[in-house]
Amino acid sequence: MFTLTERRFTKLLPMLESYSSQLHSHKQFDTGSFEREVRELLDTGYREVKDIARGLLKRSEFRLVGLYYMQNESWSEPNSDFWGDLAKAYGVRSYDNSPERPEKQREFWERELGAATAKVRRKPQRAAQ
C-alpha cells in the first residue's frame, strides 16, 4: 500500500488546496486532471492515486477531495475498491446493495457542499421473472 506520508502530503499541498477550493466554490473538479497531477507530482501510477485518495480521508481539510475523487473518478460508477469508504461516509451498510444509498449520498453532498455534486447512480432493477 502506498502511504500518504508527510513528505508526499507537503509535495501535494498546493495542488490539494486548489482542488479543495474548486470543489467548495464550483461543487466539482476534474478528477482526470486531479489524477494526472498526483501521478506527475509523485511520479507514480494509478493504483497509488487510489491509496492517496484513501489517505486524504484521514485529513479533515481534504477529506471531501478524497471522497469526491472516489465517487467520480470513473465515468460509469465508483471503483469497487472505494465502495466501503463511500458507504461509511454516506452512512449506509453497503454502497451497491443499500436501497437508501442514493438518498443518503445526495444528503451527504448537500450537507457538505450545499449541492448534490457527486453522481448518484441507482442500481438497475432486474425484470421480474
N, C-alpha and C. Protein backbone atom coordinates (compact mmCIF):
# COMPACT_ATOMS: atom_id res chain seq x y z
N MET A 1 0.84 -1.19 0.00
CA MET A 1 0.00 0.00 0.00
C MET A 1 0.88 1.25 0.00
N PHE A 2 0.56 2.16 -0.84
CA PHE A 2 1.26 3.44 -0.97
C PHE A 2 0.71 4.39 0.09
N THR A 3 1.55 4.92 0.93
CA THR A 3 1.11 5.73 2.06
C THR A 3 1.28 7.22 1.78
N LEU A 4 0.33 8.00 2.22
CA LEU A 4 0.42 9.45 2.12
C LEU A 4 1.26 9.96 3.29
N THR A 5 2.57 9.95 3.09
CA THR A 5 3.50 10.41 4.13
C THR A 5 3.47 11.93 4.22
N GLU A 6 4.06 12.47 5.24
CA GLU A 6 4.14 13.93 5.39
C GLU A 6 4.88 14.55 4.21
N ARG A 7 5.94 13.91 3.77
CA ARG A 7 6.72 14.43 2.64
C ARG A 7 5.87 14.48 1.38
N ARG A 8 5.13 13.42 1.11
CA ARG A 8 4.26 13.38 -0.07
C ARG A 8 3.13 14.39 0.07
N PHE A 9 2.57 14.47 1.26
CA PHE A 9 1.49 15.42 1.51
C PHE A 9 1.97 16.85 1.26
N THR A 10 3.16 17.18 1.74
CA THR A 10 3.72 18.52 1.54
C THR A 10 3.91 18.82 0.05
N LYS A 11 4.32 17.82 -0.70
CA LYS A 11 4.50 17.99 -2.14
C LYS A 11 3.16 18.23 -2.85
N LEU A 12 2.11 17.60 -2.35
CA LEU A 12 0.78 17.72 -2.95
C LEU A 12 -0.02 18.91 -2.44
N LEU A 13 0.39 19.51 -1.34
CA LEU A 13 -0.42 20.51 -0.65
C LEU A 13 -0.95 21.64 -1.55
N PRO A 14 -0.11 22.31 -2.35
CA PRO A 14 -0.67 23.38 -3.20
C PRO A 14 -1.74 22.87 -4.16
N MET A 15 -1.52 21.69 -4.73
CA MET A 15 -2.49 21.10 -5.64
C MET A 15 -3.78 20.75 -4.90
N LEU A 16 -3.66 20.16 -3.72
CA LEU A 16 -4.83 19.80 -2.92
C LEU A 16 -5.64 21.03 -2.53
N GLU A 17 -4.96 22.10 -2.17
CA GLU A 17 -5.65 23.35 -1.83
C GLU A 17 -6.44 23.87 -3.03
N SER A 18 -5.85 23.76 -4.21
CA SER A 18 -6.52 24.22 -5.43
C SER A 18 -7.78 23.39 -5.70
N TYR A 19 -7.68 22.06 -5.60
CA TYR A 19 -8.84 21.21 -5.86
C TYR A 19 -9.90 21.37 -4.77
N SER A 20 -9.49 21.58 -3.55
CA SER A 20 -10.45 21.82 -2.47
C SER A 20 -11.20 23.12 -2.73
N SER A 21 -10.49 24.13 -3.16
CA SER A 21 -11.12 25.41 -3.48
C SER A 21 -12.13 25.25 -4.62
N GLN A 22 -11.74 24.52 -5.67
CA GLN A 22 -12.65 24.27 -6.79
C GLN A 22 -13.90 23.54 -6.33
N LEU A 23 -13.70 22.54 -5.48
CA LEU A 23 -14.82 21.75 -5.00
C LEU A 23 -15.79 22.61 -4.19
N HIS A 24 -15.26 23.44 -3.33
CA HIS A 24 -16.13 24.27 -2.49
C HIS A 24 -16.78 25.42 -3.27
N SER A 25 -16.09 25.95 -4.26
CA SER A 25 -16.68 27.07 -5.00
C SER A 25 -17.53 26.63 -6.18
N HIS A 26 -17.12 25.57 -6.88
CA HIS A 26 -17.84 25.13 -8.09
C HIS A 26 -18.60 23.82 -7.89
N LYS A 27 -18.46 23.22 -6.69
CA LYS A 27 -19.14 21.97 -6.35
C LYS A 27 -18.68 20.78 -7.18
N GLN A 28 -17.52 20.91 -7.82
CA GLN A 28 -16.96 19.81 -8.62
C GLN A 28 -15.52 20.13 -8.99
N PHE A 29 -14.80 19.11 -9.45
CA PHE A 29 -13.49 19.31 -10.07
C PHE A 29 -13.25 18.17 -11.05
N ASP A 30 -12.29 18.36 -11.92
CA ASP A 30 -11.96 17.38 -12.95
C ASP A 30 -11.11 16.28 -12.32
N THR A 31 -11.69 15.10 -12.14
CA THR A 31 -10.97 14.02 -11.48
C THR A 31 -9.83 13.47 -12.35
N GLY A 32 -9.96 13.58 -13.66
CA GLY A 32 -8.88 13.16 -14.55
C GLY A 32 -7.65 14.03 -14.37
N SER A 33 -7.85 15.34 -14.27
CA SER A 33 -6.74 16.26 -14.03
C SER A 33 -6.13 16.03 -12.65
N PHE A 34 -6.99 15.80 -11.67
CA PHE A 34 -6.52 15.51 -10.31
C PHE A 34 -5.59 14.30 -10.33
N GLU A 35 -6.05 13.24 -10.97
CA GLU A 35 -5.25 12.01 -11.04
C GLU A 35 -3.92 12.25 -11.75
N ARG A 36 -3.94 12.95 -12.88
CA ARG A 36 -2.70 13.22 -13.62
C ARG A 36 -1.72 14.03 -12.78
N GLU A 37 -2.22 15.04 -12.08
CA GLU A 37 -1.33 15.87 -11.27
C GLU A 37 -0.70 15.09 -10.12
N VAL A 38 -1.50 14.25 -9.46
CA VAL A 38 -0.94 13.43 -8.38
C VAL A 38 0.14 12.51 -8.95
N ARG A 39 -0.15 11.88 -10.06
CA ARG A 39 0.82 10.95 -10.67
C ARG A 39 2.10 11.67 -11.07
N GLU A 40 1.96 12.87 -11.63
CA GLU A 40 3.15 13.62 -12.03
C GLU A 40 3.96 14.10 -10.83
N LEU A 41 3.28 14.66 -9.85
CA LEU A 41 3.98 15.19 -8.68
C LEU A 41 4.69 14.10 -7.87
N LEU A 42 4.10 12.92 -7.81
CA LEU A 42 4.69 11.84 -7.01
C LEU A 42 5.38 10.78 -7.86
N ASP A 43 5.37 10.99 -9.18
CA ASP A 43 5.98 10.04 -10.12
C ASP A 43 5.52 8.61 -9.81
N THR A 44 4.21 8.43 -9.93
CA THR A 44 3.60 7.16 -9.54
C THR A 44 2.48 6.78 -10.50
N GLY A 45 1.81 5.67 -10.23
CA GLY A 45 0.77 5.17 -11.11
C GLY A 45 -0.62 5.29 -10.53
N TYR A 46 -1.58 4.72 -11.26
CA TYR A 46 -3.00 4.82 -10.89
C TYR A 46 -3.29 4.18 -9.54
N ARG A 47 -2.77 3.00 -9.29
CA ARG A 47 -3.05 2.29 -8.03
C ARG A 47 -2.65 3.17 -6.84
N GLU A 48 -1.54 3.85 -6.96
CA GLU A 48 -1.07 4.70 -5.87
C GLU A 48 -1.97 5.92 -5.66
N VAL A 49 -2.58 6.41 -6.73
CA VAL A 49 -3.51 7.54 -6.60
C VAL A 49 -4.71 7.11 -5.76
N LYS A 50 -5.15 5.88 -5.93
CA LYS A 50 -6.25 5.37 -5.12
C LYS A 50 -5.86 5.37 -3.64
N ASP A 51 -4.64 4.97 -3.35
CA ASP A 51 -4.17 4.97 -1.96
C ASP A 51 -4.05 6.40 -1.41
N ILE A 52 -3.64 7.32 -2.25
CA ILE A 52 -3.56 8.73 -1.84
C ILE A 52 -4.96 9.24 -1.50
N ALA A 53 -5.94 8.91 -2.33
CA ALA A 53 -7.33 9.34 -2.07
C ALA A 53 -7.79 8.81 -0.71
N ARG A 54 -7.45 7.56 -0.42
CA ARG A 54 -7.81 7.00 0.89
C ARG A 54 -7.09 7.73 2.01
N GLY A 55 -5.84 8.09 1.78
CA GLY A 55 -5.08 8.82 2.78
C GLY A 55 -5.68 10.18 3.09
N LEU A 56 -6.31 10.79 2.09
CA LEU A 56 -6.94 12.10 2.29
C LEU A 56 -8.12 12.02 3.25
N LEU A 57 -8.73 10.84 3.39
CA LEU A 57 -9.85 10.70 4.31
C LEU A 57 -9.43 10.93 5.76
N LYS A 58 -8.15 10.78 6.03
CA LYS A 58 -7.63 10.97 7.39
C LYS A 58 -7.25 12.43 7.66
N ARG A 59 -7.37 13.27 6.67
CA ARG A 59 -7.02 14.69 6.80
C ARG A 59 -8.29 15.50 6.60
N SER A 60 -8.83 15.98 7.69
CA SER A 60 -10.16 16.60 7.65
C SER A 60 -10.28 17.71 6.61
N GLU A 61 -9.22 18.50 6.41
CA GLU A 61 -9.32 19.61 5.46
C GLU A 61 -9.40 19.14 4.00
N PHE A 62 -9.02 17.88 3.72
CA PHE A 62 -9.06 17.37 2.35
C PHE A 62 -9.88 16.09 2.22
N ARG A 63 -10.65 15.76 3.23
CA ARG A 63 -11.49 14.56 3.22
C ARG A 63 -12.47 14.59 2.04
N LEU A 64 -13.11 15.73 1.80
CA LEU A 64 -14.08 15.82 0.71
C LEU A 64 -13.42 15.67 -0.66
N VAL A 65 -12.19 16.13 -0.79
CA VAL A 65 -11.47 15.97 -2.05
C VAL A 65 -11.28 14.48 -2.32
N GLY A 66 -10.87 13.74 -1.30
CA GLY A 66 -10.70 12.30 -1.45
C GLY A 66 -12.00 11.60 -1.79
N LEU A 67 -13.06 11.94 -1.08
CA LEU A 67 -14.36 11.32 -1.34
C LEU A 67 -14.90 11.68 -2.71
N TYR A 68 -14.75 12.93 -3.11
CA TYR A 68 -15.24 13.33 -4.43
C TYR A 68 -14.50 12.56 -5.53
N TYR A 69 -13.18 12.44 -5.37
CA TYR A 69 -12.41 11.66 -6.35
C TYR A 69 -12.91 10.22 -6.38
N MET A 70 -13.09 9.61 -5.22
CA MET A 70 -13.56 8.22 -5.16
C MET A 70 -14.90 8.04 -5.86
N GLN A 71 -15.80 8.98 -5.63
CA GLN A 71 -17.15 8.88 -6.19
C GLN A 71 -17.17 9.12 -7.70
N ASN A 72 -16.26 9.95 -8.19
CA ASN A 72 -16.37 10.43 -9.57
C ASN A 72 -15.21 10.08 -10.49
N GLU A 73 -14.24 9.30 -10.03
CA GLU A 73 -13.06 9.05 -10.86
C GLU A 73 -13.37 8.19 -12.08
N SER A 74 -14.43 7.46 -12.05
CA SER A 74 -14.81 6.62 -13.18
C SER A 74 -16.05 7.21 -13.85
N TRP A 75 -16.17 7.08 -15.14
CA TRP A 75 -17.31 7.65 -15.85
C TRP A 75 -18.59 6.86 -15.60
N SER A 76 -18.45 5.59 -15.19
CA SER A 76 -19.67 4.79 -15.03
C SER A 76 -20.10 4.69 -13.57
N GLU A 77 -19.29 4.14 -12.73
CA GLU A 77 -19.60 4.03 -11.30
C GLU A 77 -18.29 3.97 -10.54
N PRO A 78 -18.31 4.24 -9.25
CA PRO A 78 -17.05 4.22 -8.49
C PRO A 78 -16.39 2.84 -8.55
N ASN A 79 -15.09 2.85 -8.52
CA ASN A 79 -14.33 1.62 -8.44
C ASN A 79 -14.76 0.86 -7.20
N SER A 80 -14.95 -0.43 -7.31
CA SER A 80 -15.43 -1.22 -6.18
C SER A 80 -14.46 -1.17 -4.99
N ASP A 81 -13.20 -0.84 -5.23
CA ASP A 81 -12.25 -0.67 -4.13
C ASP A 81 -12.66 0.46 -3.19
N PHE A 82 -13.45 1.41 -3.70
CA PHE A 82 -13.87 2.57 -2.90
C PHE A 82 -15.22 2.39 -2.23
N TRP A 83 -15.95 1.34 -2.55
CA TRP A 83 -17.32 1.20 -2.06
C TRP A 83 -17.41 1.24 -0.54
N GLY A 84 -16.50 0.60 0.16
CA GLY A 84 -16.53 0.59 1.62
C GLY A 84 -16.34 1.98 2.20
N ASP A 85 -15.38 2.73 1.66
CA ASP A 85 -15.13 4.10 2.13
C ASP A 85 -16.34 5.00 1.86
N LEU A 86 -16.93 4.85 0.68
CA LEU A 86 -18.09 5.68 0.33
C LEU A 86 -19.30 5.31 1.17
N ALA A 87 -19.53 4.02 1.38
CA ALA A 87 -20.66 3.59 2.20
C ALA A 87 -20.53 4.15 3.62
N LYS A 88 -19.34 4.11 4.17
CA LYS A 88 -19.10 4.64 5.51
C LYS A 88 -19.39 6.14 5.55
N ALA A 89 -18.91 6.86 4.56
CA ALA A 89 -19.14 8.32 4.50
C ALA A 89 -20.63 8.64 4.40
N TYR A 90 -21.36 7.85 3.62
CA TYR A 90 -22.78 8.11 3.39
C TYR A 90 -23.66 7.54 4.49
N GLY A 91 -23.07 6.73 5.38
CA GLY A 91 -23.84 6.17 6.49
C GLY A 91 -24.76 5.02 6.09
N VAL A 92 -24.30 4.20 5.15
CA VAL A 92 -25.06 3.03 4.73
C VAL A 92 -24.22 1.77 4.92
N ARG A 93 -24.88 0.64 4.98
CA ARG A 93 -24.17 -0.63 5.20
C ARG A 93 -23.35 -1.05 3.99
N SER A 94 -23.88 -0.81 2.80
CA SER A 94 -23.25 -1.28 1.58
C SER A 94 -23.45 -0.24 0.49
N TYR A 95 -22.40 0.02 -0.28
CA TYR A 95 -22.54 1.01 -1.35
C TYR A 95 -23.47 0.51 -2.44
N ASP A 96 -23.28 -0.73 -2.85
CA ASP A 96 -24.04 -1.21 -4.01
C ASP A 96 -25.34 -1.93 -3.68
N ASN A 97 -25.57 -2.27 -2.41
CA ASN A 97 -26.78 -3.02 -2.07
C ASN A 97 -27.70 -2.32 -1.08
N SER A 98 -27.44 -1.09 -0.77
CA SER A 98 -28.31 -0.37 0.16
C SER A 98 -29.31 0.46 -0.63
N PRO A 99 -30.59 0.15 -0.54
CA PRO A 99 -31.58 0.91 -1.30
C PRO A 99 -31.63 2.38 -0.89
N GLU A 100 -31.22 2.70 0.31
CA GLU A 100 -31.24 4.08 0.76
C GLU A 100 -29.98 4.86 0.36
N ARG A 101 -28.99 4.19 -0.24
CA ARG A 101 -27.73 4.85 -0.58
C ARG A 101 -27.90 6.08 -1.48
N PRO A 102 -28.67 6.04 -2.56
CA PRO A 102 -28.77 7.25 -3.39
C PRO A 102 -29.26 8.47 -2.60
N GLU A 103 -30.25 8.28 -1.74
CA GLU A 103 -30.77 9.39 -0.94
C GLU A 103 -29.73 9.85 0.09
N LYS A 104 -29.09 8.91 0.75
CA LYS A 104 -28.07 9.26 1.76
C LYS A 104 -26.88 9.96 1.10
N GLN A 105 -26.53 9.52 -0.09
CA GLN A 105 -25.44 10.14 -0.85
C GLN A 105 -25.79 11.59 -1.18
N ARG A 106 -26.99 11.79 -1.68
CA ARG A 106 -27.44 13.14 -2.02
C ARG A 106 -27.42 14.03 -0.78
N GLU A 107 -27.95 13.52 0.32
CA GLU A 107 -27.98 14.28 1.58
C GLU A 107 -26.57 14.63 2.05
N PHE A 108 -25.64 13.69 1.90
CA PHE A 108 -24.25 13.93 2.31
C PHE A 108 -23.67 15.12 1.56
N TRP A 109 -23.78 15.09 0.22
CA TRP A 109 -23.17 16.16 -0.58
C TRP A 109 -23.90 17.49 -0.37
N GLU A 110 -25.19 17.46 -0.18
CA GLU A 110 -25.91 18.70 0.11
C GLU A 110 -25.48 19.29 1.45
N ARG A 111 -25.29 18.43 2.43
CA ARG A 111 -24.86 18.88 3.76
C ARG A 111 -23.42 19.43 3.70
N GLU A 112 -22.55 18.74 2.99
CA GLU A 112 -21.14 19.11 2.96
C GLU A 112 -20.84 20.30 2.05
N LEU A 113 -21.51 20.36 0.92
CA LEU A 113 -21.19 21.41 -0.07
C LEU A 113 -22.37 22.27 -0.47
N GLY A 114 -23.55 21.94 0.01
CA GLY A 114 -24.72 22.70 -0.38
C GLY A 114 -25.25 22.32 -1.74
N ALA A 115 -24.79 21.18 -2.27
CA ALA A 115 -25.26 20.72 -3.59
C ALA A 115 -25.02 19.23 -3.70
N ALA A 116 -25.88 18.57 -4.43
CA ALA A 116 -25.69 17.14 -4.70
C ALA A 116 -24.77 17.01 -5.90
N THR A 117 -23.46 17.13 -5.66
CA THR A 117 -22.49 17.21 -6.74
C THR A 117 -22.07 15.87 -7.31
N ALA A 118 -21.92 14.88 -6.46
CA ALA A 118 -21.42 13.60 -6.94
C ALA A 118 -22.53 12.85 -7.65
N LYS A 119 -22.14 12.12 -8.68
CA LYS A 119 -23.11 11.36 -9.45
C LYS A 119 -23.82 10.36 -8.56
N VAL A 120 -25.11 10.35 -8.60
CA VAL A 120 -25.90 9.38 -7.84
C VAL A 120 -26.39 8.34 -8.83
N ARG A 121 -25.92 7.14 -8.67
CA ARG A 121 -26.30 6.07 -9.59
C ARG A 121 -27.19 5.08 -8.86
N ARG A 122 -28.23 4.73 -9.50
CA ARG A 122 -29.12 3.71 -8.94
C ARG A 122 -28.80 2.39 -9.62
N LYS A 123 -28.79 1.35 -8.83
CA LYS A 123 -28.54 0.03 -9.36
C LYS A 123 -29.70 -0.35 -10.27
N PRO A 124 -29.45 -0.82 -11.49
CA PRO A 124 -30.54 -1.21 -12.39
C PRO A 124 -31.39 -2.31 -11.79
N GLN A 125 -32.69 -2.18 -11.94
CA GLN A 125 -33.62 -3.19 -11.44
C GLN A 125 -33.75 -4.29 -12.48
N ARG A 126 -33.72 -5.51 -12.01
CA ARG A 126 -33.92 -6.64 -12.91
C ARG A 126 -35.40 -6.84 -13.16
N ALA A 127 -35.72 -7.25 -14.35
CA ALA A 127 -37.12 -7.53 -14.69
C ALA A 127 -37.62 -8.71 -13.87
N ALA A 128 -38.87 -8.63 -13.45
CA ALA A 128 -39.47 -9.72 -12.68
C ALA A 128 -39.58 -10.96 -13.56
N GLN A 129 -39.25 -12.08 -12.98
CA GLN A 129 -39.25 -13.34 -13.73
C GLN A 129 -40.53 -14.08 -13.51
